[in-house]
Amino acid sequence: MEPRQAGHVLLIYDGLCGFCNGTVQWLLKRDQFDRFRFAPQQSNLAQEVLRRYGIDQEAMSRDNSVYLVADQDLPEERLFLRSDVTVYSLLVLGGAWKVAGRCLQIVPQRLRDAAYRLVARNRFRLAGRYDACPVPTAAERAKFVGLTDS
């Protein structure tokens, strides 16, 4: 699960979820190598990408997951979900975050995913819910894709 040094990764998140939006803001502040792009699950782009993997709106709601697409539109494109999104995101950030990602990789995936599901089920209680996807600032806008069609 080693990220490539070139290219972007696409984080597909629930744009109405306060916890998810907080995570996006956290990543924006730490993405010093400009590797992340973001798309709300509510956008046509996100739904189109996820359909390639058999994930529809109902599956998104049922799974309570964010998704990360590495090497988007390339033959080696990969989709990560649940706790693997967290691990891969930390590896992509690099530096001390990469060390944290490596440490998380040691934890068995079943345990990581169980913790992920617990947080995901309670995400609205933890951080609230928006009525509409928040609009990124002008400075952040270049990192968000698929917003014009949501």
C-alpha atoms as a PDB file:
ATOM      1  CA  MET A   1       0.000   0.000   0.000  1.00  0.00           C
ATOM      2  CA  GLU A   2       2.799   2.406  -0.862  1.00  0.00           C
ATOM      3  CA  PRO A   3       1.686   5.666  -2.547  1.00  0.00           C
ATOM      4  CA  ARG A   4       3.386   6.758  -5.734  1.00  0.00           C
ATOM      5  CA  GLN A   5       5.341   9.973  -5.483  1.00  0.00           C
ATOM      6  CA  ALA A   6       3.722  11.643  -8.492  1.00  0.00           C
ATOM      7  CA  GLY A   7       0.070  12.331  -9.119  1.00  0.00           C
ATOM      8  CA  HIS A   8      -2.927  13.117  -6.999  1.00  0.00           C
ATOM      9  CA  VAL A   9      -5.247  11.051  -4.877  1.00  0.00           C
ATOM     10  CA  LEU A  10      -8.971  11.749  -4.841  1.00  0.00           C
ATOM     11  CA  LEU A  11     -10.778  11.685  -1.511  1.00  0.00           C
ATOM     12  CA  ILE A  12     -14.515  11.130  -1.945  1.00  0.00           C
ATOM     13  CA  TYR A  13     -16.329  12.197   1.220  1.00  0.00           C
ATOM     14  CA  ASP A  14     -19.850  12.930   2.441  1.00  0.00           C
ATOM     15  CA  GLY A  15     -20.189  16.663   1.841  1.00  0.00           C
ATOM     16  CA  LEU A  16     -23.045  16.899   4.346  1.00  0.00           C
ATOM     17  CA  CYS A  17     -21.099  15.320   7.212  1.00  0.00           C
ATOM     18  CA  GLY A  18     -19.440  17.657   9.702  1.00  0.00           C
ATOM     19  CA  PHE A  19     -16.885  14.991  10.655  1.00  0.00           C
ATOM     20  CA  CYS A  20     -15.981  14.367   6.997  1.00  0.00           C
ATOM     21  CA  ASN A  21     -15.651  18.088   6.301  1.00  0.00           C
ATOM     22  CA  GLY A  22     -13.436  18.443   9.371  1.00  0.00           C
ATOM     23  CA  THR A  23     -11.229  15.665   8.006  1.00  0.00           C
ATOM     24  CA  VAL A  24     -10.993  17.430   4.646  1.00  0.00           C
ATOM     25  CA  GLN A  25      -9.967  20.662   6.406  1.00  0.00           C
ATOM     26  CA  TRP A  26      -7.377  18.726   8.440  1.00  0.00           C
ATOM     27  CA  LEU A  27      -5.902  17.252   5.249  1.00  0.00           C
ATOM     28  CA  LEU A  28      -5.919  20.624   3.453  1.00  0.00           C
ATOM     29  CA  LYS A  29      -3.762  22.121   6.214  1.00  0.00           C
ATOM     30  CA  ARG A  30      -1.229  19.281   6.077  1.00  0.00           C
ATOM     31  CA  ASP A  31      -1.053  18.578   2.325  1.00  0.00           C
ATOM     32  CA  GLN A  32       2.299  20.278   1.787  1.00  0.00           C
ATOM     33  CA  PHE A  33       3.009  18.322  -1.433  1.00  0.00           C
ATOM     34  CA  ASP A  34      -0.377  19.195  -3.046  1.00  0.00           C
ATOM     35  CA  ARG A  35      -1.292  15.523  -3.485  1.00  0.00           C
ATOM     36  CA  PHE A  36      -4.966  15.555  -2.434  1.00  0.00           C
ATOM     37  CA  ARG A  37      -8.040  16.401  -4.445  1.00  0.00           C
ATOM     38  CA  PHE A  38     -11.522  16.240  -2.958  1.00  0.00           C
ATOM     39  CA  ALA A  39     -14.999  15.461  -4.275  1.00  0.00           C
ATOM     40  CA  PRO A  40     -18.206  15.253  -2.252  1.00  0.00           C
ATOM     41  CA  GLN A  41     -20.111  11.978  -2.654  1.00  0.00           C
ATOM     42  CA  GLN A  42     -23.060  14.092  -3.750  1.00  0.00           C
ATOM     43  CA  SER A  43     -21.256  15.153  -6.950  1.00  0.00           C
ATOM     44  CA  ASN A  44     -21.773  13.434 -10.293  1.00  0.00           C
ATOM     45  CA  LEU A  45     -17.999  12.918 -10.568  1.00  0.00           C
ATOM     46  CA  ALA A  46     -17.834  10.975  -7.303  1.00  0.00           C
ATOM     47  CA  GLN A  47     -20.837   8.858  -8.219  1.00  0.00           C
ATOM     48  CA  GLU A  48     -19.345   8.117 -11.641  1.00  0.00           C
ATOM     49  CA  VAL A  49     -15.999   7.044 -10.145  1.00  0.00           C
ATOM     50  CA  LEU A  50     -17.636   4.873  -7.480  1.00  0.00           C
ATOM     51  CA  ARG A  51     -19.993   3.228  -9.996  1.00  0.00           C
ATOM     52  CA  ARG A  52     -16.882   1.701 -11.625  1.00  0.00           C
ATOM     53  CA  TYR A  53     -16.482  -0.244  -8.380  1.00  0.00           C
ATOM     54  CA  GLY A  54     -20.153  -1.180  -8.038  1.00  0.00           C
ATOM     55  CA  ILE A  55     -20.781   1.394  -5.317  1.00  0.00           C
ATOM     56  CA  ASP A  56     -24.050   3.283  -5.693  1.00  0.00           C
ATOM     57  CA  GLN A  57     -25.801   5.860  -3.504  1.00  0.00           C
ATOM     58  CA  GLU A  58     -27.403   3.134  -1.379  1.00  0.00           C
ATOM     59  CA  ALA A  59     -24.041   1.428  -0.782  1.00  0.00           C
ATOM     60  CA  MET A  60     -22.460   4.760   0.172  1.00  0.00           C
ATOM     61  CA  SER A  61     -25.155   5.336   2.776  1.00  0.00           C
ATOM     62  CA  ARG A  62     -24.962   1.779   4.079  1.00  0.00           C
ATOM     63  CA  ASP A  63     -21.144   1.736   4.324  1.00  0.00           C
ATOM     64  CA  ASN A  64     -20.793   5.179   5.961  1.00  0.00           C
ATOM     65  CA  SER A  65     -17.409   5.339   4.282  1.00  0.00           C
ATOM     66  CA  VAL A  66     -15.124   7.848   2.695  1.00  0.00           C
ATOM     67  CA  TYR A  67     -13.292   6.556  -0.354  1.00  0.00           C
ATOM     68  CA  LEU A  68      -9.854   7.294  -1.685  1.00  0.00           C
ATOM     69  CA  VAL A  69      -8.915   6.746  -5.311  1.00  0.00           C
ATOM     70  CA  ALA A  70      -5.202   6.431  -6.069  1.00  0.00           C
ATOM     71  CA  ASP A  71      -3.927   6.748  -9.641  1.00  0.00           C
ATOM     72  CA  GLN A  72      -7.353   7.829 -10.880  1.00  0.00           C
ATOM     73  CA  ASP A  73      -8.097   6.992 -14.533  1.00  0.00           C
ATOM     74  CA  LEU A  74      -4.841   5.046 -14.889  1.00  0.00           C
ATOM     75  CA  PRO A  75      -4.641   1.273 -15.429  1.00  0.00           C
ATOM     76  CA  GLU A  76      -3.309   0.861 -11.872  1.00  0.00           C
ATOM     77  CA  GLU A  77      -6.186   2.857 -10.324  1.00  0.00           C
ATOM     78  CA  ARG A  78      -7.029   1.588  -6.826  1.00  0.00           C
ATOM     79  CA  LEU A  79      -9.924   2.267  -4.486  1.00  0.00           C
ATOM     80  CA  PHE A  80      -9.439   2.347  -0.717  1.00  0.00           C
ATOM     81  CA  LEU A  81     -12.229   2.390   1.843  1.00  0.00           C
ATOM     82  CA  ARG A  82     -12.792   2.399   5.593  1.00  0.00           C
ATOM     83  CA  SER A  83      -9.580   2.378   7.641  1.00  0.00           C
ATOM     84  CA  ASP A  84      -7.390   1.914   4.554  1.00  0.00           C
ATOM     85  CA  VAL A  85      -8.327   5.483   3.568  1.00  0.00           C
ATOM     86  CA  THR A  86      -6.845   6.726   6.839  1.00  0.00           C
ATOM     87  CA  VAL A  87      -3.676   4.664   6.463  1.00  0.00           C
ATOM     88  CA  TYR A  88      -3.123   5.626   2.822  1.00  0.00           C
ATOM     89  CA  SER A  89      -3.850   9.316   3.520  1.00  0.00           C
ATOM     90  CA  LEU A  90      -1.197   9.398   6.240  1.00  0.00           C
ATOM     91  CA  LEU A  91       1.308   7.699   3.926  1.00  0.00           C
ATOM     92  CA  VAL A  92       0.568  10.274   1.199  1.00  0.00           C
ATOM     93  CA  LEU A  93       1.076  13.186   3.612  1.00  0.00           C
ATOM     94  CA  GLY A  94       4.599  11.942   4.279  1.00  0.00           C
ATOM     95  CA  GLY A  95       6.960  12.989   7.065  1.00  0.00           C
ATOM     96  CA  ALA A  96       5.870  12.109  10.584  1.00  0.00           C
ATOM     97  CA  TRP A  97       2.386  11.325   9.240  1.00  0.00           C
ATOM     98  CA  LYS A  98       3.916   8.554   7.117  1.00  0.00           C
ATOM     99  CA  VAL A  99       5.344   7.017  10.301  1.00  0.00           C
ATOM    100  CA  ALA A 100       1.869   7.147  11.854  1.00  0.00           C
ATOM    101  CA  GLY A 101       0.460   5.461   8.747  1.00  0.00           C
ATOM    102  CA  ARG A 102       3.070   2.697   8.986  1.00  0.00           C
ATOM    103  CA  CYS A 103       2.175   2.162  12.647  1.00  0.00           C
ATOM    104  CA  LEU A 104      -1.507   1.880  11.747  1.00  0.00           C
ATOM    105  CA  GLN A 105      -0.666  -0.669   9.054  1.00  0.00           C
ATOM    106  CA  ILE A 106       0.609  -2.968  11.796  1.00  0.00           C
ATOM    107  CA  VAL A 107      -2.838  -3.052  13.400  1.00  0.00           C
ATOM    108  CA  PRO A 108      -4.908  -5.870  11.859  1.00  0.00           C
ATOM    109  CA  GLN A 109      -7.357  -4.505   9.307  1.00  0.00           C
ATOM    110  CA  ARG A 110     -10.325  -6.130  11.064  1.00  0.00           C
ATOM    111  CA  LEU A 111      -9.572  -4.122  14.213  1.00  0.00           C
ATOM    112  CA  ARG A 112      -8.937  -0.903  12.287  1.00  0.00           C
ATOM    113  CA  ASP A 113     -12.174  -1.326  10.340  1.00  0.00           C
ATOM    114  CA  ALA A 114     -14.148  -2.063  13.514  1.00  0.00           C
ATOM    115  CA  ALA A 115     -12.909   1.215  15.029  1.00  0.00           C
ATOM    116  CA  TYR A 116     -13.651   2.996  11.741  1.00  0.00           C
ATOM    117  CA  ARG A 117     -17.232   1.639  11.670  1.00  0.00           C
ATOM    118  CA  LEU A 118     -17.806   2.773  15.258  1.00  0.00           C
ATOM    119  CA  VAL A 119     -16.783   6.349  14.423  1.00  0.00           C
ATOM    120  CA  ALA A 120     -18.657   6.286  11.090  1.00  0.00           C
ATOM    121  CA  ARG A 121     -21.911   5.198  12.732  1.00  0.00           C
ATOM    122  CA  ASN A 122     -21.660   8.067  15.206  1.00  0.00           C
ATOM    123  CA  ARG A 123     -20.200  10.749  12.917  1.00  0.00           C
ATOM    124  CA  PHE A 124     -23.294  12.961  12.871  1.00  0.00           C
ATOM    125  CA  ARG A 125     -23.532  12.847  16.659  1.00  0.00           C
ATOM    126  CA  LEU A 126     -19.825  13.699  16.920  1.00  0.00           C
ATOM    127  CA  ALA A 127     -19.701  16.596  14.483  1.00  0.00           C
ATOM    128  CA  GLY A 128     -23.153  17.378  13.123  1.00  0.00           C
ATOM    129  CA  ARG A 129     -24.665  17.455   9.662  1.00  0.00           C
ATOM    130  CA  TYR A 130     -24.941  20.200   7.047  1.00  0.00           C
ATOM    131  CA  ASP A 131     -28.057  20.959   5.007  1.00  0.00           C
ATOM    132  CA  ALA A 132     -25.859  21.593   1.953  1.00  0.00           C
ATOM    133  CA  CYS A 133     -22.231  20.911   1.109  1.00  0.00           C
ATOM    134  CA  PRO A 134     -20.009  23.729   2.428  1.00  0.00           C
ATOM    135  CA  VAL A 135     -18.399  25.835  -0.291  1.00  0.00           C
ATOM    136  CA  PRO A 136     -14.589  25.861  -0.198  1.00  0.00           C
ATOM    137  CA  THR A 137     -12.737  29.158  -0.015  1.00  0.00           C
ATOM    138  CA  ALA A 138     -11.272  30.625  -3.192  1.00  0.00           C
ATOM    139  CA  ALA A 139      -7.814  29.434  -2.089  1.00  0.00           C
ATOM    140  CA  GLU A 140      -9.064  25.866  -1.583  1.00  0.00           C
ATOM    141  CA  ARG A 141     -11.268  25.663  -4.688  1.00  0.00           C
ATOM    142  CA  ALA A 142      -8.546  24.263  -6.998  1.00  0.00           C
ATOM    143  CA  LYS A 143      -8.317  21.159  -4.813  1.00  0.00           C
ATOM    144  CA  PHE A 144     -12.036  20.361  -5.121  1.00  0.00           C
ATOM    145  CA  VAL A 145     -13.218  18.576  -8.244  1.00  0.00           C
ATOM    146  CA  GLY A 146     -16.710  17.850  -9.432  1.00  0.00           C
ATOM    147  CA  LEU A 147     -18.328  20.742  -7.547  1.00  0.00           C
ATOM    148  CA  THR A 148     -20.003  22.361 -10.528  1.00  0.00           C
ATOM    149  CA  ASP A 149     -22.171  19.297 -11.065  1.00  0.00           C
ATOM    150  CA  SER A 150     -23.291  18.740  -7.458  1.00  0.00           C
END
